[in-house]
Each structure stands twice: as C-alpha cells, then as structure tokens.
PDB file of N, CA and C in Angstrom:
ATOM      1  N   ARG A   1     174.709 219.637 157.758  1.00  0.00           N
ATOM      2  CA  ARG A   1     174.221 220.348 158.754  1.00  0.00           C
ATOM      3  C   ARG A   1     175.370 221.611 159.177  1.00  0.00           C
ATOM      4  N   TYR A   2     174.387 222.449 159.434  1.00  0.00           N
ATOM      5  CA  TYR A   2     175.069 223.706 160.016  1.00  0.00           C
ATOM      6  C   TYR A   2     175.163 223.969 161.539  1.00  0.00           C
ATOM      7  N   GLN A   3     176.088 224.568 162.168  1.00  0.00           N
ATOM      8  CA  GLN A   3     176.267 224.677 163.501  1.00  0.00           C
ATOM      9  C   GLN A   3     175.948 226.042 164.074  1.00  0.00           C
ATOM     10  N   VAL A   4     175.209 226.517 165.069  1.00  0.00           N
ATOM     11  CA  VAL A   4     174.951 228.020 165.064  1.00  0.00           C
ATOM     12  C   VAL A   4     174.787 227.987 166.508  1.00  0.00           C
ATOM     13  N   VAL A   5     175.685 229.154 167.203  1.00  0.00           N
ATOM     14  CA  VAL A   5     175.700 229.436 168.524  1.00  0.00           C
ATOM     15  C   VAL A   5     175.077 230.856 168.743  1.00  0.00           C
ATOM     16  N   LEU A   6     174.175 230.790 169.790  1.00  0.00           N
ATOM     17  CA  LEU A   6     173.779 232.110 169.920  1.00  0.00           C
ATOM     18  C   LEU A   6     174.116 232.574 171.201  1.00  0.00           C
ATOM     19  N   ASP A   7     174.046 233.847 171.523  1.00  0.00           N
ATOM     20  CA  ASP A   7     174.236 234.399 172.541  1.00  0.00           C
ATOM     21  C   ASP A   7     173.501 233.918 174.180  1.00  0.00           C
ATOM     22  N   ARG A   8     172.165 233.721 173.461  1.00  0.00           N
ATOM     23  CA  ARG A   8     171.387 233.471 174.397  1.00  0.00           C
ATOM     24  C   ARG A   8     170.193 232.586 173.681  1.00  0.00           C
ATOM     25  N   THR A   9     169.781 231.509 174.281  1.00  0.00           N
ATOM     26  CA  THR A   9     168.743 230.629 173.570  1.00  0.00           C
ATOM     27  C   THR A   9     167.578 229.898 174.597  1.00  0.00           C
ATOM     28  N   PRO A  10     166.507 229.759 174.131  1.00  0.00           N
ATOM     29  CA  PRO A  10     165.459 228.959 174.711  1.00  0.00           C
ATOM     30  C   PRO A  10     165.855 227.544 174.807  1.00  0.00           C
ATOM     31  N   PHE A  11     166.260 227.106 173.502  1.00  0.00           N
ATOM     32  CA  PHE A  11     166.702 225.736 173.309  1.00  0.00           C
ATOM     33  C   PHE A  11     167.094 224.561 174.523  1.00  0.00           C
ATOM     34  N   TYR A  12     166.538 223.683 175.051  1.00  0.00           N
ATOM     35  CA  TYR A  12     167.278 222.809 175.943  1.00  0.00           C
ATOM     36  C   TYR A  12     167.896 222.030 175.007  1.00  0.00           C
ATOM     37  N   PRO A  13     169.410 221.931 175.653  1.00  0.00           N
ATOM     38  CA  PRO A  13     170.464 220.867 174.550  1.00  0.00           C
ATOM     39  C   PRO A  13     170.233 219.385 175.226  1.00  0.00           C
ATOM     40  N   GLU A  14     170.514 218.700 174.402  1.00  0.00           N
ATOM     41  CA  GLU A  14     170.485 216.997 174.819  1.00  0.00           C
ATOM     42  C   GLU A  14     171.274 216.748 175.683  1.00  0.00           C
ATOM     43  N   GLY A  15     170.730 216.060 176.873  1.00  0.00           N
ATOM     44  CA  GLY A  15     171.515 215.626 177.970  1.00  0.00           C
ATOM     45  C   GLY A  15     170.614 214.750 179.086  1.00  0.00           C
ATOM     46  N   GLY A  16     171.772 214.126 179.821  1.00  0.00           N
ATOM     47  CA  GLY A  16     170.648 213.194 180.828  1.00  0.00           C
ATOM     48  C   GLY A  16     169.846 212.125 180.221  1.00  0.00           C
ATOM     49  N   GLY A  17     169.929 211.724 178.952  1.00  0.00           N
ATOM     50  CA  GLY A  17     169.018 210.992 178.474  1.00  0.00           C
ATOM     51  C   GLY A  17     167.926 211.442 177.375  1.00  0.00           C
ATOM     52  N   GLN A  18     167.863 213.133 177.600  1.00  0.00           N
ATOM     53  CA  GLN A  18     166.618 213.874 177.278  1.00  0.00           C
ATOM     54  C   GLN A  18     167.310 214.500 176.099  1.00  0.00           C
ATOM     55  N   VAL A  19     166.421 214.105 174.778  1.00  0.00           N
ATOM     56  CA  VAL A  19     166.562 214.674 173.335  1.00  0.00           C
ATOM     57  C   VAL A  19     166.561 216.120 173.439  1.00  0.00           C
ATOM     58  N   GLY A  20     167.405 216.955 172.691  1.00  0.00           N
ATOM     59  CA  GLY A  20     167.396 218.234 172.261  1.00  0.00           C
ATOM     60  C   GLY A  20     166.578 218.864 171.763  1.00  0.00           C
ATOM     61  N   ASP A  21     166.322 219.842 171.900  1.00  0.00           N
ATOM     62  CA  ASP A  21     164.868 220.642 171.330  1.00  0.00           C
ATOM     63  C   ASP A  21     165.153 221.199 169.778  1.00  0.00           C
ATOM     64  N   THR A  22     164.254 220.809 169.286  1.00  0.00           N
ATOM     65  CA  THR A  22     164.126 221.404 167.745  1.00  0.00           C
ATOM     66  C   THR A  22     163.031 222.598 167.735  1.00  0.00           C
ATOM     67  N   GLY A  23     163.127 223.192 166.425  1.00  0.00           N
ATOM     68  CA  GLY A  23     162.546 224.445 166.216  1.00  0.00           C
ATOM     69  C   GLY A  23     162.932 225.211 165.091  1.00  0.00           C
ATOM     70  N   TRP A  24     163.003 226.424 165.233  1.00  0.00           N
ATOM     71  CA  TRP A  24     163.008 227.485 164.015  1.00  0.00           C
ATOM     72  C   TRP A  24     164.168 228.725 164.707  1.00  0.00           C
ATOM     73  N   LEU A  25     165.027 228.970 163.829  1.00  0.00           N
ATOM     74  CA  LEU A  25     165.693 230.519 164.076  1.00  0.00           C
ATOM     75  C   LEU A  25     164.874 231.344 162.655  1.00  0.00           C
ATOM     76  N   VAL A  26     164.412 232.393 163.346  1.00  0.00           N
ATOM     77  CA  VAL A  26     163.864 233.333 162.315  1.00  0.00           C
ATOM     78  C   VAL A  26     164.290 234.541 162.433  1.00  0.00           C
ATOM     79  N   GLN A  27     164.401 234.978 160.949  1.00  0.00           N
ATOM     80  CA  GLN A  27     164.973 236.144 160.604  1.00  0.00           C
ATOM     81  C   GLN A  27     164.358 237.160 159.638  1.00  0.00           C
ATOM     82  N   GLY A  28     163.630 237.927 159.831  1.00  0.00           N
ATOM     83  CA  GLY A  28     162.926 238.390 158.986  1.00  0.00           C
ATOM     84  C   GLY A  28     162.015 237.331 158.425  1.00  0.00           C
ATOM     85  N   GLU A  29     161.540 237.274 156.909  1.00  0.00           N
ATOM     86  CA  GLU A  29     160.838 236.190 156.438  1.00  0.00           C
ATOM     87  C   GLU A  29     161.143 234.953 156.176  1.00  0.00           C
ATOM     88  N   ALA A  30     162.790 234.890 156.692  1.00  0.00           N
ATOM     89  CA  ALA A  30     163.551 233.567 156.464  1.00  0.00           C
ATOM     90  C   ALA A  30     163.311 232.750 157.878  1.00  0.00           C
ATOM     91  N   ARG A  31     162.990 231.486 157.596  1.00  0.00           N
ATOM     92  CA  ARG A  31     162.862 230.718 158.745  1.00  0.00           C
ATOM     93  C   ARG A  31     163.942 229.479 158.564  1.00  0.00           C
ATOM     94  N   VAL A  32     164.805 229.113 159.367  1.00  0.00           N
ATOM     95  CA  VAL A  32     165.720 228.276 159.578  1.00  0.00           C
ATOM     96  C   VAL A  32     165.438 227.174 160.304  1.00  0.00           C
ATOM     97  N   GLU A  33     165.454 225.655 159.554  1.00  0.00           N
ATOM     98  CA  GLU A  33     165.200 224.737 160.835  1.00  0.00           C
ATOM     99  C   GLU A  33     166.263 224.296 161.851  1.00  0.00           C
ATOM    100  N   VAL A  34     165.929 224.290 162.887  1.00  0.00           N
ATOM    101  CA  VAL A  34     166.762 223.376 163.974  1.00  0.00           C
ATOM    102  C   VAL A  34     166.477 222.018 164.279  1.00  0.00           C
ATOM    103  N   LEU A  35     167.725 221.462 163.968  1.00  0.00           N
ATOM    104  CA  LEU A  35     167.329 219.932 163.811  1.00  0.00           C
ATOM    105  C   LEU A  35     167.591 219.351 165.085  1.00  0.00           C
ATOM    106  N   ASP A  36     168.556 219.841 165.872  1.00  0.00           N
ATOM    107  CA  ASP A  36     168.743 219.239 167.246  1.00  0.00           C
ATOM    108  C   ASP A  36     169.449 220.262 168.030  1.00  0.00           C
ATOM    109  N   THR A  37     169.611 220.216 169.324  1.00  0.00           N
ATOM    110  CA  THR A  37     170.520 221.115 170.049  1.00  0.00           C
ATOM    111  C   THR A  37     171.234 220.339 171.228  1.00  0.00           C
ATOM    112  N   ARG A  38     172.610 220.609 171.207  1.00  0.00           N
ATOM    113  CA  ARG A  38     173.637 219.845 171.959  1.00  0.00           C
ATOM    114  C   ARG A  38     174.438 221.047 172.628  1.00  0.00           C
ATOM    115  N   ARG A  39     174.768 220.417 173.998  1.00  0.00           N
ATOM    116  CA  ARG A  39     175.786 221.349 174.761  1.00  0.00           C
ATOM    117  C   ARG A  39     177.029 220.661 174.448  1.00  0.00           C
ATOM    118  N   GLU A  40     178.163 221.810 173.728  1.00  0.00           N
ATOM    119  CA  GLU A  40     179.589 221.108 173.603  1.00  0.00           C
ATOM    120  C   GLU A  40     180.314 222.349 174.486  1.00  0.00           C
ATOM    121  N   ASN A  41     181.057 221.546 175.414  1.00  0.00           N
ATOM    122  CA  ASN A  41     181.749 222.467 176.331  1.00  0.00           C
ATOM    123  C   ASN A  41     180.551 223.636 177.074  1.00  0.00           C
ATOM    124  N   GLU A  42     180.831 224.740 177.072  1.00  0.00           N
ATOM    125  CA  GLU A  42     179.933 225.648 177.371  1.00  0.00           C
ATOM    126  C   GLU A  42     179.101 226.411 176.687  1.00  0.00           C
ATOM    127  N   LEU A  43     179.103 225.783 175.611  1.00  0.00           N
ATOM    128  CA  LEU A  43     177.963 226.432 174.547  1.00  0.00           C
ATOM    129  C   LEU A  43     177.145 225.443 174.183  1.00  0.00           C
ATOM    130  N   ILE A  44     175.985 226.074 173.680  1.00  0.00           N
ATOM    131  CA  ILE A  44     174.777 225.387 173.271  1.00  0.00           C
ATOM    132  C   ILE A  44     174.961 225.481 171.604  1.00  0.00           C
ATOM    133  N   VAL A  45     174.962 224.653 171.034  1.00  0.00           N
ATOM    134  CA  VAL A  45     175.202 224.529 169.786  1.00  0.00           C
ATOM    135  C   VAL A  45     173.802 223.967 168.985  1.00  0.00           C
ATOM    136  N   HIS A  46     173.206 224.472 168.174  1.00  0.00           N
ATOM    137  CA  HIS A  46     171.865 224.261 167.297  1.00  0.00           C
ATOM    138  C   HIS A  46     172.353 223.768 165.940  1.00  0.00           C
ATOM    139  N   PHE A  47     171.880 222.855 165.904  1.00  0.00           N
ATOM    140  CA  PHE A  47     172.220 222.010 164.536  1.00  0.00           C
ATOM    141  C   PHE A  47     171.146 222.363 163.453  1.00  0.00           C
ATOM    142  N   CYS A  48     171.545 222.632 162.164  1.00  0.00           N
ATOM    143  CA  CYS A  48     170.423 223.522 161.387  1.00  0.00           C
ATOM    144  C   CYS A  48     170.564 223.111 159.991  1.00  0.00           C
ATOM    145  N   LYS A  49     169.528 223.181 159.185  1.00  0.00           N
ATOM    146  CA  LYS A  49     169.553 222.773 157.738  1.00  0.00           C
ATOM    147  C   LYS A  49     170.322 223.898 157.148  1.00  0.00           C
ATOM    148  N   ALA A  50     169.929 225.190 157.356  1.00  0.00           N
ATOM    149  CA  ALA A  50     170.641 226.185 156.635  1.00  0.00           C
ATOM    150  C   ALA A  50     171.280 226.928 157.673  1.00  0.00           C
ATOM    151  N   LEU A  51     171.822 228.097 157.177  1.00  0.00           N
ATOM    152  CA  LEU A  51     172.491 229.240 157.975  1.00  0.00           C
ATOM    153  C   LEU A  51     171.204 230.318 157.645  1.00  0.00           C
ATOM    154  N   PRO A  52     171.096 230.948 158.903  1.00  0.00           N
ATOM    155  CA  PRO A  52     170.214 232.363 158.753  1.00  0.00           C
ATOM    156  C   PRO A  52     170.670 233.433 157.506  1.00  0.00           C
ATOM    157  N   PRO A  53     169.944 233.964 156.997  1.00  0.00           N
ATOM    158  CA  PRO A  53     170.615 234.919 155.633  1.00  0.00           C
ATOM    159  C   PRO A  53     171.363 235.784 155.946  1.00  0.00           C
ATOM    160  N   ASP A  54     171.768 236.765 157.225  1.00  0.00           N
ATOM    161  CA  ASP A  54     172.520 237.149 157.524  1.00  0.00           C
ATOM    162  C   ASP A  54     173.046 237.216 159.298  1.00  0.00           C
ATOM    163  N   PRO A  55     174.346 236.169 159.294  1.00  0.00           N
ATOM    164  CA  PRO A  55     174.588 235.949 160.595  1.00  0.00           C
ATOM    165  C   PRO A  55     174.932 237.108 161.513  1.00  0.00           C
ATOM    166  N   SER A  56     175.128 238.218 160.856  1.00  0.00           N
ATOM    167  CA  SER A  56     175.492 239.596 161.805  1.00  0.00           C
ATOM    168  C   SER A  56     174.086 240.053 162.432  1.00  0.00           C
ATOM    169  N   LEU A  57     172.934 239.587 161.903  1.00  0.00           N
ATOM    170  CA  LEU A  57     171.515 240.304 162.370  1.00  0.00           C
ATOM    171  C   LEU A  57     171.218 239.492 163.434  1.00  0.00           C
ATOM    172  N   PRO A  58     170.362 240.066 164.140  1.00  0.00           N
ATOM    173  CA  PRO A  58     169.421 238.975 165.106  1.00  0.00           C
ATOM    174  C   PRO A  58     168.445 238.192 164.680  1.00  0.00           C
ATOM    175  N   VAL A  59     168.495 237.181 165.468  1.00  0.00           N
ATOM    176  CA  VAL A  59     167.367 235.913 165.070  1.00  0.00           C
ATOM    177  C   VAL A  59     166.374 235.695 166.329  1.00  0.00           C
ATOM    178  N   ILE A  60     165.380 235.434 166.178  1.00  0.00           N
ATOM    179  CA  ILE A  60     164.191 234.929 166.986  1.00  0.00           C
ATOM    180  C   ILE A  60     164.206 233.211 166.955  1.00  0.00           C
ATOM    181  N   ALA A  61     164.609 232.954 167.922  1.00  0.00           N
ATOM    182  CA  ALA A  61     164.920 231.598 168.320  1.00  0.00           C
ATOM    183  C   ALA A  61     163.496 231.151 168.751  1.00  0.00           C
ATOM    184  N   ARG A  62     162.836 230.127 168.120  1.00  0.00           N
ATOM    185  CA  ARG A  62     161.507 229.596 168.261  1.00  0.00           C
ATOM    186  C   ARG A  62     161.669 228.126 168.433  1.00  0.00           C
ATOM    187  N   VAL A  63     161.412 227.599 169.999  1.00  0.00           N
ATOM    188  CA  VAL A  63     161.409 226.028 170.006  1.00  0.00           C
ATOM    189  C   VAL A  63     160.040 225.506 169.655  1.00  0.00           C
ATOM    190  N   ASP A  64     160.219 224.328 169.125  1.00  0.00           N
ATOM    191  CA  ASP A  64     158.927 223.753 168.572  1.00  0.00           C
ATOM    192  C   ASP A  64     157.739 223.404 169.909  1.00  0.00           C
ATOM    193  N   ALA A  65     156.972 223.957 170.255  1.00  0.00           N
ATOM    194  CA  ALA A  65     156.726 223.840 171.633  1.00  0.00           C
ATOM    195  C   ALA A  65     155.813 222.604 171.752  1.00  0.00           C
ATOM    196  N   ASP A  66     154.939 222.081 170.695  1.00  0.00           N
ATOM    197  CA  ASP A  66     154.408 220.770 170.753  1.00  0.00           C
ATOM    198  C   ASP A  66     155.356 219.477 171.087  1.00  0.00           C
ATOM    199  N   ARG A  67     156.531 219.406 170.263  1.00  0.00           N
ATOM    200  CA  ARG A  67     157.171 218.432 170.762  1.00  0.00           C
ATOM    201  C   ARG A  67     158.116 218.719 172.152  1.00  0.00           C
ATOM    202  N   ARG A  68     158.610 219.933 172.778  1.00  0.00           N
ATOM    203  CA  ARG A  68     158.680 219.978 173.889  1.00  0.00           C
ATOM    204  C   ARG A  68     157.950 219.559 174.913  1.00  0.00           C
ATOM    205  N   ARG A  69     156.719 219.616 175.010  1.00  0.00           N
ATOM    206  CA  ARG A  69     155.690 219.511 175.953  1.00  0.00           C
ATOM    207  C   ARG A  69     155.447 217.910 175.846  1.00  0.00           C
ATOM    208  N   SER A  70     155.605 217.069 174.696  1.00  0.00           N
ATOM    209  CA  SER A  70     155.613 215.986 174.657  1.00  0.00           C
ATOM    210  C   SER A  70     156.913 215.283 175.263  1.00  0.00           C
ATOM    211  N   THR A  71     157.930 215.691 175.393  1.00  0.00           N
ATOM    212  CA  THR A  71     159.134 215.508 175.845  1.00  0.00           C
ATOM    213  C   THR A  71     159.186 215.656 177.219  1.00  0.00           C
ATOM    214  N   MET A  72     158.704 216.721 177.650  1.00  0.00           N
ATOM    215  CA  MET A  72     158.428 217.101 179.251  1.00  0.00           C
ATOM    216  C   MET A  72     157.328 216.095 179.719  1.00  0.00           C
ATOM    217  N   ARG A  73     156.239 215.766 179.155  1.00  0.00           N
ATOM    218  CA  ARG A  73     155.485 214.841 179.718  1.00  0.00           C
ATOM    219  C   ARG A  73     156.467 213.305 180.057  1.00  0.00           C
ATOM    220  N   ASN A  74     157.031 212.972 178.700  1.00  0.00           N
ATOM    221  CA  ASN A  74     157.753 211.597 178.974  1.00  0.00           C
ATOM    222  C   ASN A  74     158.907 211.755 180.039  1.00  0.00           C
ATOM    223  N   HIS A  75     159.556 213.011 180.438  1.00  0.00           N
ATOM    224  CA  HIS A  75     160.663 213.253 181.306  1.00  0.00           C
ATOM    225  C   HIS A  75     159.723 213.308 182.616  1.00  0.00           C
ATOM    226  N   SER A  76     158.427 213.820 182.831  1.00  0.00           N
ATOM    227  CA  SER A  76     157.684 213.625 184.243  1.00  0.00           C
ATOM    228  C   SER A  76     157.414 212.040 184.405  1.00  0.00           C
ATOM    229  N   ALA A  77     157.201 211.403 183.137  1.00  0.00           N
ATOM    230  CA  ALA A  77     156.908 209.853 183.261  1.00  0.00           C
ATOM    231  C   ALA A  77     157.998 209.420 183.899  1.00  0.00           C
ATOM    232  N   THR A  78     159.070 209.358 183.688  1.00  0.00           N
ATOM    233  CA  THR A  78     160.323 208.753 184.221  1.00  0.00           C
ATOM    234  C   THR A  78     160.294 208.744 185.589  1.00  0.00           C
ATOM    235  N   HIS A  79     160.321 210.195 186.284  1.00  0.00           N
ATOM    236  CA  HIS A  79     160.188 210.241 187.533  1.00  0.00           C
ATOM    237  C   HIS A  79     159.000 209.334 188.471  1.00  0.00           C
ATOM    238  N   LEU A  80     157.973 209.180 187.856  1.00  0.00           N
ATOM    239  CA  LEU A  80     156.682 208.409 188.435  1.00  0.00           C
ATOM    240  C   LEU A  80     157.148 207.294 188.367  1.00  0.00           C
ATOM    241  N   LEU A  81     157.477 206.835 186.921  1.00  0.00           N
ATOM    242  CA  LEU A  81     158.041 205.086 186.695  1.00  0.00           C
ATOM    243  C   LEU A  81     158.891 204.835 187.896  1.00  0.00           C
ATOM    244  N   HIS A  82     160.084 205.610 188.273  1.00  0.00           N
ATOM    245  CA  HIS A  82     161.105 205.653 189.205  1.00  0.00           C
ATOM    246  C   HIS A  82     160.344 205.185 190.398  1.00  0.00           C
ATOM    247  N   HIS A  83     159.511 206.147 190.871  1.00  0.00           N
ATOM    248  CA  HIS A  83     158.728 206.217 192.184  1.00  0.00           C
ATOM    249  C   HIS A  83     158.124 205.100 192.426  1.00  0.00           C
ATOM    250  N   ALA A  84     157.358 204.432 191.578  1.00  0.00           N
ATOM    251  CA  ALA A  84     156.383 203.400 191.408  1.00  0.00           C
ATOM    252  C   ALA A  84     157.387 202.108 191.710  1.00  0.00           C
ATOM    253  N   LEU A  85     158.427 201.858 190.736  1.00  0.00           N
ATOM    254  CA  LEU A  85     159.244 200.895 191.081  1.00  0.00           C
ATOM    255  C   LEU A  85     159.751 200.537 192.205  1.00  0.00           C
ATOM    256  N   ARG A  86     160.234 201.805 192.749  1.00  0.00           N
ATOM    257  CA  ARG A  86     161.013 201.788 194.132  1.00  0.00           C
ATOM    258  C   ARG A  86     159.870 201.694 195.197  1.00  0.00           C
ATOM    259  N   LYS A  87     158.679 201.866 195.206  1.00  0.00           N
ATOM    260  CA  LYS A  87     157.493 201.763 196.098  1.00  0.00           C
ATOM    261  C   LYS A  87     157.063 200.062 195.907  1.00  0.00           C
ATOM    262  N   HIS A  88     157.151 199.735 194.757  1.00  0.00           N
ATOM    263  CA  HIS A  88     156.498 198.216 194.527  1.00  0.00           C
ATOM    264  C   HIS A  88     157.657 197.273 194.984  1.00  0.00           C
ATOM    265  N   LEU A  89     158.769 197.431 193.995  1.00  0.00           N
ATOM    266  CA  LEU A  89     160.088 196.615 193.988  1.00  0.00           C
ATOM    267  C   LEU A  89     160.872 196.780 195.099  1.00  0.00           C
ATOM    268  N   GLY A  90     161.295 197.723 195.613  1.00  0.00           N
ATOM    269  CA  GLY A  90     162.162 198.226 197.015  1.00  0.00           C
ATOM    270  C   GLY A  90     162.768 199.300 196.419  1.00  0.00           C
ATOM    271  N   THR A  91     163.461 199.833 197.494  1.00  0.00           N
ATOM    272  CA  THR A  91     164.294 201.023 197.399  1.00  0.00           C
ATOM    273  C   THR A  91     165.710 200.884 196.828  1.00  0.00           C
ATOM    274  N   HIS A  92     165.955 199.402 196.850  1.00  0.00           N
ATOM    275  CA  HIS A  92     167.062 198.890 196.080  1.00  0.00           C
ATOM    276  C   HIS A  92     167.298 199.445 194.599  1.00  0.00           C
ATOM    277  N   VAL A  93     166.178 199.361 194.066  1.00  0.00           N
ATOM    278  CA  VAL A  93     165.930 199.654 192.552  1.00  0.00           C
ATOM    279  C   VAL A  93     166.655 200.958 192.276  1.00  0.00           C
ATOM    280  N   GLU A  94     167.414 200.887 191.515  1.00  0.00           N
ATOM    281  CA  GLU A  94     168.429 202.291 190.851  1.00  0.00           C
ATOM    282  C   GLU A  94     168.113 202.617 189.518  1.00  0.00           C
ATOM    283  N   GLN A  95     167.882 203.879 189.223  1.00  0.00           N
ATOM    284  CA  GLN A  95     167.901 204.253 187.769  1.00  0.00           C
ATOM    285  C   GLN A  95     169.252 204.201 187.272  1.00  0.00           C
ATOM    286  N   LYS A  96     169.436 203.561 185.904  1.00  0.00           N
ATOM    287  CA  LYS A  96     170.965 203.374 185.434  1.00  0.00           C
ATOM    288  C   LYS A  96     171.247 203.946 183.921  1.00  0.00           C
ATOM    289  N   GLY A  97     170.207 204.366 183.665  1.00  0.00           N
ATOM    290  CA  GLY A  97     169.847 205.047 182.264  1.00  0.00           C
ATOM    291  C   GLY A  97     168.492 205.238 181.535  1.00  0.00           C
ATOM    292  N   SER A  98     168.499 206.302 180.927  1.00  0.00           N
ATOM    293  CA  SER A  98     167.380 206.555 180.182  1.00  0.00           C
ATOM    294  C   SER A  98     167.355 207.039 178.879  1.00  0.00           C
ATOM    295  N   LEU A  99     166.074 207.135 178.193  1.00  0.00           N
ATOM    296  CA  LEU A  99     166.221 207.650 177.215  1.00  0.00           C
ATOM    297  C   LEU A  99     164.934 208.626 176.626  1.00  0.00           C
ATOM    298  N   VAL A 100     164.806 210.112 176.963  1.00  0.00           N
ATOM    299  CA  VAL A 100     163.758 210.624 177.053  1.00  0.00           C
ATOM    300  C   VAL A 100     163.389 211.540 175.484  1.00  0.00           C
ATOM    301  N   ALA A 101     162.195 210.985 174.686  1.00  0.00           N
ATOM    302  CA  ALA A 101     162.161 211.671 173.372  1.00  0.00           C
ATOM    303  C   ALA A 101     160.803 212.007 173.556  1.00  0.00           C
ATOM    304  N   PRO A 102     160.100 212.675 172.693  1.00  0.00           N
ATOM    305  CA  PRO A 102     158.461 213.365 172.632  1.00  0.00           C
ATOM    306  C   PRO A 102     157.738 211.980 172.143  1.00  0.00           C
ATOM    307  N   ASP A 103     158.270 210.811 171.494  1.00  0.00           N
ATOM    308  CA  ASP A 103     157.419 209.868 171.141  1.00  0.00           C
ATOM    309  C   ASP A 103     157.476 208.598 172.118  1.00  0.00           C
ATOM    310  N   ARG A 104     158.671 208.530 172.826  1.00  0.00           N
ATOM    311  CA  ARG A 104     158.738 207.413 173.584  1.00  0.00           C
ATOM    312  C   ARG A 104     159.651 207.803 174.802  1.00  0.00           C
ATOM    313  N   LEU A 105     159.944 206.740 175.837  1.00  0.00           N
ATOM    314  CA  LEU A 105     160.890 206.857 176.874  1.00  0.00           C
ATOM    315  C   LEU A 105     161.492 205.679 176.831  1.00  0.00           C
ATOM    316  N   ARG A 106     162.530 205.578 177.581  1.00  0.00           N
ATOM    317  CA  ARG A 106     163.056 204.164 177.784  1.00  0.00           C
ATOM    318  C   ARG A 106     163.668 204.382 179.463  1.00  0.00           C
ATOM    319  N   PHE A 107     163.553 203.648 179.939  1.00  0.00           N
ATOM    320  CA  PHE A 107     163.814 203.598 181.511  1.00  0.00           C
ATOM    321  C   PHE A 107     164.926 202.568 182.342  1.00  0.00           C
ATOM    322  N   ASP A 108     166.208 202.499 182.188  1.00  0.00           N
ATOM    323  CA  ASP A 108     166.980 201.684 182.663  1.00  0.00           C
ATOM    324  C   ASP A 108     167.289 201.368 184.125  1.00  0.00           C
ATOM    325  N   ILE A 109     166.627 200.278 184.604  1.00  0.00           N
ATOM    326  CA  ILE A 109     167.062 200.102 185.919  1.00  0.00           C
ATOM    327  C   ILE A 109     167.983 199.104 186.413  1.00  0.00           C
ATOM    328  N   SER A 110     168.382 198.818 187.752  1.00  0.00           N
ATOM    329  CA  SER A 110     169.134 197.797 188.415  1.00  0.00           C
ATOM    330  C   SER A 110     167.974 197.296 189.458  1.00  0.00           C
ATOM    331  N   HIS A 111     168.069 196.018 189.587  1.00  0.00           N
ATOM    332  CA  HIS A 111     167.109 195.367 190.490  1.00  0.00           C
ATOM    333  C   HIS A 111     167.528 194.149 190.859  1.00  0.00           C
ATOM    334  N   PHE A 112     168.035 193.893 192.218  1.00  0.00           N
ATOM    335  CA  PHE A 112     168.762 192.853 192.400  1.00  0.00           C
ATOM    336  C   PHE A 112     167.923 192.770 193.791  1.00  0.00           C
ATOM    337  N   ALA A 113     167.444 191.389 194.054  1.00  0.00           N
ATOM    338  CA  ALA A 113     166.459 191.176 195.079  1.00  0.00           C
ATOM    339  C   ALA A 113     167.208 191.174 196.484  1.00  0.00           C
ATOM    340  N   LYS A 114     166.783 191.640 197.721  1.00  0.00           N
ATOM    341  CA  LYS A 114     167.259 191.602 198.623  1.00  0.00           C
ATOM    342  C   LYS A 114     166.910 190.980 199.799  1.00  0.00           C
TER     343      LYS A 114
END
C-alpha cells in the first residue's frame, strides 16, 4: 500500500470509532483507489493501491459517496441509540466506545444500576 498526502482533501480520516473514507484519486484518465484514510499527526494520509502517475500534477479526490452516506447513517444511529438508552435505562448510561462502519455499528456502554 502506498501513502499519499494532499494539501487539501474531502476525505474523512478514521477517528472516534468511525472508519475512514475510501474513494479514488483521479489524474487524467488514471484512477487510483484509496483503501483507507487516517490522521497521522497533523496530516491526513490516504492509503492507496498505487501512486498517481505523476505525483507533481494535481489530482481530483473523489470520496465514495455511497459508502460515506452509509457510514453517516450509522454515525447518526449511534447518537439516537445513546439517547434512547439514557431515556429508558437512566442518565447514568455512558458511551465507552464504538465502531461506525458503512455496513455495521457497535456501541459500547457502561450501565450500572443506581
């Protein structure tokens, strides 16, 4: 896997339990697949299958919109789930972790009866 850093990017990096965006870097007719996006220090790093043909030329960064929409829905679902749990079980319920992906979510809580 190759790592590419752009001066600006629409890609959301992995963080807070949410997976990073995937998509493509497009340069002319060439299309390089972005497999994952992560933040490393202050940089957003795109993990790609290959490098763009000419790294000195601009690329168009295209996020996989369908995958991002699915991830966004699951992200919203974690907020709704947290609200419902606190409403029905008590305000002592706290989120302890989560995984938010396009095809699933996991929501970790603490629940101690008071």
